[in-house]
Protein backbone atom coordinates (compact mmCIF):
# COMPACT_ATOMS: atom_id res chain seq x y z
CA MET A 1 53.29 -70.40 17.08
CA ALA A 2 50.82 -69.53 19.00
CA ALA A 3 48.27 -71.13 17.16
CA ALA A 4 50.44 -74.42 17.96
CA SER A 5 50.47 -73.77 21.49
CA ALA A 6 46.50 -73.60 21.82
CA SER A 7 46.63 -76.60 19.64
CA LYS A 8 49.26 -78.77 21.98
CA ARG A 9 47.15 -77.27 24.58
CA ARG A 10 43.56 -78.34 23.91
CA GLN A 11 45.62 -81.41 23.02
CA LYS A 12 46.77 -82.56 26.86
CA GLY A 13 43.70 -80.98 27.74
CA GLY A 14 42.08 -83.33 26.20
CA ASP A 15 44.26 -86.28 27.03
CA GLU A 16 43.97 -85.32 30.83
CA THR A 17 39.91 -85.85 30.70
CA ALA A 18 40.61 -89.27 28.79
CA VAL A 19 43.26 -90.29 31.61
CA ARG A 20 41.06 -88.68 34.64
CA LYS A 21 37.75 -90.71 33.16
CA ARG A 22 40.17 -93.77 33.36
CA ILE A 23 41.53 -93.13 36.64
CA LEU A 24 37.74 -92.70 37.91
CA ALA A 25 36.00 -95.90 36.21
CA ALA A 26 39.48 -97.72 37.73
CA ALA A 27 38.58 -96.31 41.32
CA PHE A 28 34.86 -97.91 41.14
CA ALA A 29 36.41 -100.45 40.25
CA ALA A 30 38.20 -100.94 43.15
CA PHE A 31 35.72 -100.02 45.45
CA VAL A 32 32.73 -102.70 44.10
CA LYS A 33 35.24 -105.59 44.32
CA SER A 34 37.91 -105.15 47.04
CA GLY A 35 35.61 -102.53 49.23
CA TYR A 36 36.35 -98.01 49.89
CA ALA A 37 38.33 -98.85 53.22
CA ALA A 38 40.72 -101.81 52.13
CA ALA A 39 40.76 -100.36 47.80
CA SER A 40 44.52 -98.30 47.58
CA THR A 41 45.81 -95.75 46.11
CA LEU A 42 48.60 -98.55 44.06
CA GLU A 43 45.76 -100.59 43.36
CA ILE A 44 43.45 -98.06 41.91
CA ALA A 45 46.43 -96.61 40.22
CA THR A 46 47.38 -100.27 38.37
CA ARG A 47 44.18 -100.29 37.10
CA ALA A 48 44.14 -97.01 35.09
CA ARG A 49 47.44 -97.53 34.22
CA VAL A 50 48.95 -94.29 35.98
CA SER A 51 51.47 -93.70 38.28
CA LYS A 52 50.66 -92.50 41.58
CA ARG A 53 51.70 -89.31 40.86
CA GLU A 54 48.93 -88.22 37.75
CA LEU A 55 46.32 -90.01 39.82
CA TYR A 56 46.83 -87.18 42.81
CA GLU A 57 47.50 -84.15 40.11
CA LEU A 58 44.20 -85.34 37.97
CA VAL A 59 41.16 -87.20 40.71
CA GLY A 60 43.01 -86.70 44.05
CA ASN A 61 43.18 -88.95 46.87
CA LYS A 62 40.81 -91.68 47.30
CA GLN A 63 37.78 -89.78 49.07
CA GLU A 64 37.92 -87.45 46.51
CA MET A 65 37.69 -90.10 44.02
CA LEU A 66 34.59 -91.55 45.30
CA ILE A 67 32.78 -88.16 45.83
CA ALA A 68 33.91 -87.54 41.99
CA CYS A 69 32.08 -91.53 40.59
CA ILE A 70 29.41 -90.83 42.58
CA SER A 71 28.72 -86.60 41.61
CA GLU A 72 29.81 -87.83 38.01
CA ARG A 73 26.48 -90.74 38.20
CA ALA A 74 24.27 -87.99 40.32
CA LYS A 75 23.99 -85.69 36.52
CA ARG A 76 22.04 -88.29 35.47
CA PHE A 77 19.43 -87.58 38.03
CA ASP A 78 18.71 -83.80 36.83
CA VAL A 79 15.40 -82.90 35.60
CA PRO A 80 15.86 -82.96 32.63
CA ALA A 81 15.67 -79.28 30.34
CA ASP A 82 13.25 -80.33 27.55
CA LEU A 83 10.61 -81.23 30.24
CA PRO A 84 7.31 -78.61 29.54
CA ALA A 85 6.37 -76.28 32.29
CA VAL A 86 3.78 -77.57 34.19
CA ARG A 87 0.71 -75.77 34.16
CA ASP A 88 -2.18 -77.73 34.05
CA ARG A 89 -3.23 -81.76 35.42
CA GLU A 90 -2.23 -83.76 32.80
CA THR A 91 1.00 -81.75 32.10
CA LEU A 92 1.98 -83.09 35.67
CA GLU A 93 1.34 -86.64 34.83
CA GLN A 94 3.44 -86.47 31.56
CA VAL A 95 5.89 -84.55 33.64
CA LEU A 96 5.49 -87.45 36.61
CA ALA A 97 5.39 -89.76 34.21
CA SER A 98 8.96 -88.91 31.87
CA PHE A 99 11.08 -88.15 35.08
CA GLY A 100 10.00 -91.41 36.71
CA THR A 101 10.64 -93.27 33.68
CA LYS A 102 14.29 -91.90 34.16
CA LEU A 103 14.41 -92.31 37.14
CA VAL A 104 13.98 -95.48 37.76
CA ARG A 105 16.22 -96.46 34.25
CA GLU A 106 19.02 -94.24 35.59
CA ALA A 107 18.61 -95.84 39.26
CA SER A 108 18.63 -99.16 38.08
CA ASP A 109 21.86 -99.19 36.15
CA PRO A 110 23.87 -101.63 37.67
CA THR A 111 26.83 -99.75 38.52
CA VAL A 112 24.22 -97.12 40.67
CA ILE A 113 22.89 -100.47 42.66
CA ALA A 114 26.60 -101.29 42.57
CA ALA A 115 27.44 -97.78 44.47
CA LEU A 116 24.18 -98.76 46.74
CA ARG A 117 25.68 -101.79 47.59
CA LEU A 118 29.13 -100.63 48.37
CA ALA A 119 27.52 -98.25 50.70
CA ILE A 120 25.62 -100.45 52.95
CA ALA A 121 28.98 -103.14 53.09
CA GLU A 122 30.35 -100.20 54.35
CA ALA A 123 28.31 -98.48 56.77
CA VAL A 124 30.71 -99.21 59.34
CA GLN A 125 34.51 -99.20 57.75
CA ALA A 126 33.38 -96.46 55.60
CA PRO A 127 30.71 -94.23 56.82
CA GLU A 128 31.71 -91.54 54.33
CA VAL A 129 30.91 -93.57 51.46
CA ALA A 130 26.84 -93.65 52.37
CA ARG A 131 27.06 -90.44 53.19
CA VAL A 132 28.71 -88.39 49.94
CA LEU A 133 26.54 -91.38 47.92
CA ASP A 134 22.99 -89.51 49.91
CA SER A 135 24.55 -85.81 49.30
CA ARG A 136 25.18 -86.34 45.59
CA ALA A 137 23.19 -88.89 44.26
CA ARG A 138 20.44 -89.76 46.32
CA GLU A 139 19.76 -85.80 46.90
CA ALA A 140 20.17 -85.10 43.32
CA SER A 141 16.78 -86.94 42.57
CA ARG A 142 15.05 -85.47 45.88
CA ALA A 143 15.73 -82.51 44.65
CA ALA A 144 14.50 -82.90 41.24
CA LEU A 145 11.51 -84.17 42.23
CA ARG A 146 10.42 -81.27 44.51
CA LYS A 147 11.04 -78.70 41.99
CA ILE A 148 8.79 -80.71 39.60
CA MET A 149 6.35 -80.79 42.61
CA ALA A 150 7.29 -76.94 43.65
CA GLU A 151 6.23 -76.00 40.27
CA ALA A 152 3.45 -77.69 40.69
CA GLN A 153 1.85 -76.18 43.74
CA ALA A 154 3.00 -73.11 42.66
CA SER A 155 0.61 -73.16 39.47
CA GLY A 156 -2.95 -74.04 41.80
CA LEU A 157 -2.07 -77.87 40.64
CA LEU A 158 -0.83 -79.64 44.29
CA THR A 159 -1.25 -78.32 47.88
CA GLY A 160 1.18 -79.42 50.48
CA HIS A 161 5.59 -79.41 51.23
CA PRO A 162 7.23 -80.31 47.91
CA ALA A 163 9.84 -82.40 49.38
CA GLU A 164 6.78 -84.92 52.07
CA LEU A 165 5.49 -84.80 47.79
CA ALA A 166 8.33 -86.01 46.81
CA GLU A 167 9.14 -88.80 48.24
CA GLN A 168 5.52 -90.08 48.70
CA PHE A 169 5.65 -89.79 44.36
CA ALA A 170 8.75 -91.47 44.90
CA GLY A 171 6.84 -94.46 47.23
CA LEU A 172 4.30 -94.85 44.66
CA LEU A 173 7.30 -95.30 41.83
CA TRP A 174 9.82 -97.36 43.37
CA ARG A 175 7.33 -99.57 45.84
CA ASP A 176 10.12 -102.69 46.92
CA LEU A 177 11.89 -102.45 43.38
CA LEU A 178 14.83 -100.52 44.76
CA VAL A 179 15.52 -103.35 47.55
CA SER A 180 15.12 -106.00 45.64
CA LEU A 181 17.30 -104.77 42.81
CA MET A 182 19.74 -104.39 45.66
CA LEU A 183 19.78 -108.18 47.08
CA GLY A 184 19.47 -109.05 43.77
CA VAL A 185 15.97 -111.06 43.53
CA ALA A 186 14.63 -109.02 41.01
CA ALA A 187 16.03 -108.51 37.06
CA ARG A 188 16.53 -105.01 36.35
CA PRO A 189 12.74 -104.21 34.46
CA ASN A 190 13.59 -103.60 30.31
CA SER A 191 12.21 -100.20 28.81
CA ARG A 192 8.84 -101.22 28.42
CA GLU A 193 8.23 -102.26 31.83
CA ILE A 194 10.07 -98.99 33.13
CA ALA A 195 7.39 -96.65 31.61
CA ALA A 196 4.58 -98.63 32.18
CA ARG A 197 5.51 -98.35 36.32
CA ALA A 198 6.15 -94.79 36.05
CA ARG A 199 3.02 -94.19 34.36
CA ASP A 200 1.08 -96.28 37.07
CA ALA A 201 2.99 -94.53 39.85
CA ALA A 202 1.82 -90.68 38.34
CA ALA A 203 -1.56 -91.85 38.07
CA ALA A 204 -1.63 -93.03 41.46
CA PHE A 205 -0.21 -89.84 42.81
CA LEU A 206 -2.54 -87.77 40.56
CA GLN A 207 -5.78 -89.86 42.62
CA LEU A 208 -4.01 -89.06 45.97
CA HIS A 209 -4.36 -85.79 45.75
CA PRO A 210 -7.00 -84.36 43.75
CA LEU A 211 -6.83 -80.12 42.71
CA PRO A 212 -6.80 -78.09 45.32
CA ASN A 213 -10.70 -76.74 44.41
CA GLY A 214 -12.51 -80.22 45.07
CA GLU A 215 -12.42 -81.05 41.09
CA ASN A 216 -10.61 -83.93 40.04
CA GLY A 217 -9.97 -84.04 36.52
CA VAL A 218 -6.65 -85.07 35.35
CA GLY A 219 -6.02 -82.63 32.24
CA ARG A 220 -8.02 -79.87 33.90
CA GLY A 221 -5.38 -76.50 34.98
CA VAL A 222 -6.04 -73.60 36.56
CA GLY A 223 -8.81 -71.77 36.17
CA SER A 224 -10.55 -74.92 33.57
CA ASN A 225 -15.09 -74.90 33.96
């Protein structure tokens, strides 16, 4: 009896998770199509094939749906758990190139570009879209880069403020690509192009920031002869 009850609870939980994902997908589609301010909970419920009661129970109101939609996408920008510890310049370059590749790949995804366009379109009527996007998604990528820079600084490989270093690397990485993607005047780069962009940005960044002791050799860690 107890086992059967537990099985039913797990099945119910799985069903609710699937329905919640469907609601969030429907909400994002409605926000992009109609605009956040104009999209109604009825439209979202209809798209998700649920009742408005289910919509509120499983996700919440429209703003909570927006936060959930963007927060889910923000998870893509975390620092990968398998990146090596930054202990020398060569590893730092590899880590920056690896994270840069992931950042451009995820941020250039059409759904992310659609979210950025949505925030701009709704800047006057619904400024909360931009606030949520900035505090959840953009801050996730900034925090991840700051973490890498802080680790490099702690290892004696860089000097300066981690936040400023992170912004500089992001500028070298993106250049004008993000604006071009949002305007629709550039195609999303392929995997090879993204990897090359990230490698170039990492190399350029390290050229701008030689070792604090005055040495320039990439791959020479703290204490190298």
